[in-house]
Protein backbone atom coordinates (compact mmCIF):
# COMPACT_ATOMS: atom_id res chain seq x y z
CA LYS A 1 88.58 61.00 31.02
CA ASP A 2 86.05 63.16 33.83
CA ASP A 3 86.19 61.31 37.01
CA ILE A 4 86.53 62.98 40.55
CA GLY A 5 90.15 62.70 41.06
CA GLU A 6 90.55 64.84 37.65
CA PHE A 7 88.36 67.13 38.65
CA LEU A 8 89.94 67.67 41.91
CA THR A 9 93.18 68.25 40.27
CA ARG A 10 92.07 71.19 38.46
CA ASN A 11 91.10 73.52 41.25
CA GLN A 12 94.42 75.15 42.20
CA VAL A 13 94.40 78.77 42.35
CA PHE A 14 97.57 80.04 44.58
CA SER A 15 100.97 78.94 44.72
CA LYS A 16 101.78 75.64 46.38
CA ASP A 17 104.82 77.64 48.55
CA GLU A 18 102.43 79.36 50.22
CA LEU A 19 100.98 76.61 51.65
CA LEU A 20 103.59 75.34 53.98
CA PRO A 21 103.67 79.03 56.06
CA LEU A 22 100.01 79.20 56.50
CA LEU A 23 100.21 75.34 57.53
CA CYS A 24 102.69 76.16 60.26
CA GLN A 25 101.02 79.22 61.24
CA LEU A 26 97.65 77.16 62.09
CA GLN A 27 99.79 74.38 63.50
CA SER A 28 101.78 77.09 65.90
CA LEU A 29 98.29 78.23 67.32
CA LYS A 30 96.76 74.97 67.69
CA ARG A 31 99.77 73.86 70.12
CA GLN A 32 99.77 77.13 72.05
CA GLY A 33 95.89 76.11 72.48
CA LYS A 34 94.89 78.91 70.37
CA PRO A 35 92.11 79.08 67.91
CA ALA A 36 93.92 78.06 64.62
CA LEU A 37 93.38 81.07 61.84
CA ALA A 38 95.53 82.90 59.88
CA LYS A 39 95.22 86.14 57.60
CA ARG A 40 97.00 86.23 54.19
CA LYS A 41 97.49 88.12 51.49
CA LEU A 42 97.78 85.40 48.39
CA LYS A 43 98.19 86.20 44.76
CA VAL A 44 95.48 84.31 42.31
CA LEU A 45 97.33 81.86 40.24
CA PRO A 46 95.58 81.78 36.20
CA ASN A 47 93.21 79.08 36.32
CA SER A 48 92.04 78.29 32.39
CA TRP A 49 89.59 75.34 34.12
CA TRP A 50 88.18 77.73 36.15
CA GLY A 51 88.17 80.56 34.11
CA ILE A 52 90.22 82.47 35.88
CA GLU A 53 92.50 85.12 34.96
CA GLY A 54 94.91 85.46 37.82
CA GLY A 55 97.68 88.32 38.44
CA TYR A 56 95.45 89.69 41.36
CA GLY A 57 95.50 89.39 45.20
CA VAL A 58 92.81 88.46 47.12
CA GLN A 59 92.68 88.86 51.35
CA LEU A 60 92.18 85.06 52.79
CA LEU A 61 91.27 84.32 56.27
CA VAL A 62 91.58 80.60 56.96
CA VAL A 63 89.52 79.21 60.41
CA TYR A 64 90.45 75.68 60.54
CA ASN A 65 87.97 73.61 62.65
CA GLU A 66 90.76 72.12 65.10
CA LYS A 67 90.86 71.37 68.77
CA CYS A 68 91.42 74.73 70.90
CA ARG A 69 92.45 74.21 74.64
CA ASP A 70 91.50 77.56 75.72
CA PHE A 71 88.50 76.96 74.84
CA GLU A 72 87.99 74.01 76.56
CA SER A 73 89.33 75.04 79.22
CA LYS A 74 86.85 77.70 79.46
CA LEU A 75 83.81 75.22 79.45
CA PRO A 76 81.71 74.39 82.25
CA LYS A 77 82.75 71.33 84.58
CA ASP A 78 80.01 68.75 83.67
CA THR A 79 80.48 69.50 79.73
CA SER A 80 84.31 69.50 79.90
CA ASP A 81 84.13 66.12 82.01
CA ASN A 82 81.48 64.68 78.98
CA LEU A 83 83.85 65.92 76.40
CA HIS A 84 86.98 63.86 78.00
CA ALA A 85 84.91 60.76 78.83
CA PHE A 86 86.57 58.52 76.28
CA PHE A 87 83.65 55.82 75.19
CA THR A 88 80.60 57.65 76.86
CA SER A 89 81.08 61.13 75.68
CA GLU A 90 78.10 62.50 73.82
CA PHE A 91 80.97 64.57 72.23
CA LYS A 92 83.23 61.73 70.75
CA ARG A 93 85.38 63.02 68.09
CA PHE A 94 84.58 66.80 68.92
CA PRO A 95 85.43 68.93 67.10
CA HIS A 96 85.62 66.75 63.85
CA TYR A 97 82.69 64.45 63.80
CA ARG A 98 81.81 62.11 61.11
CA ILE A 99 79.81 63.09 58.12
CA VAL A 100 77.39 60.20 58.76
CA PHE A 101 77.03 57.60 61.57
CA GLN A 102 77.82 59.84 64.49
CA ASN A 103 74.99 59.03 66.35
CA ALA A 104 73.52 55.67 66.68
CA GLY A 105 70.41 55.45 65.03
CA SER A 106 70.71 58.75 62.59
CA GLY A 107 72.54 59.02 59.28
CA THR A 108 73.44 62.01 59.06
CA ALA A 109 72.24 64.43 62.07
CA LEU A 110 73.94 65.65 64.87
CA THR A 111 72.42 66.00 68.24
CA HIS A 112 71.66 69.56 69.71
CA PRO A 113 73.89 69.80 72.19
CA GLN A 114 77.09 68.54 69.57
CA ILE A 115 75.98 71.22 67.63
CA ASN A 116 75.78 73.93 70.29
CA LEU A 117 79.34 73.01 71.48
CA LEU A 118 80.30 73.84 67.56
CA ALA A 119 78.59 77.16 67.45
CA ALA A 120 79.76 78.04 70.96
CA MET A 121 83.73 77.36 69.98
CA SER A 122 83.25 79.21 66.34
CA GLU A 123 81.80 82.17 68.42
CA TYR A 124 84.90 81.78 70.78
CA PHE A 125 87.21 81.95 67.87
CA VAL A 126 85.67 85.09 66.56
CA ARG A 127 85.53 86.73 69.86
CA GLU A 128 89.02 86.08 70.36
CA ASN A 129 90.18 87.34 67.18
CA ALA A 130 87.79 90.06 67.05
CA GLU A 131 89.95 92.86 65.23
CA LEU A 132 91.64 90.22 62.94
CA PHE A 133 87.57 89.66 61.62
CA GLY A 134 86.75 92.99 61.74
CA SER A 135 89.55 94.31 59.77
CA PHE A 136 89.07 91.23 57.02
CA LEU A 137 85.00 92.17 57.11
CA GLN A 138 85.81 95.69 56.85
CA ARG A 139 87.28 95.75 53.39
């Protein structure tokens, strides 16, 4: 059997017990209006499908593309108004834009303002967590 479901079931490299605390931290930060990111040291499990021996640790920095009230509160008024306009917003579904047909007449493209808003939020996440990113990247 060689279908997509079988393929995806062979991707585990971390203990399932590590997932819930990570998700709880991300959810807590989101509820506080902060960037949803977390750094963890995780033990790598063996995975014969991918040829991974396991038994060692890795540092993992998870940055979750999620709404952030702190970022949105710092946007210019016209951008903020547009973001929160329910039916007419150019930023409908931000930051979870559709992969296809987000914008009428375009299969997969986002507009420049949509891309710029995602980039600005990403920059905000990094700047607000500069020490964390710095310690992660200086290894």
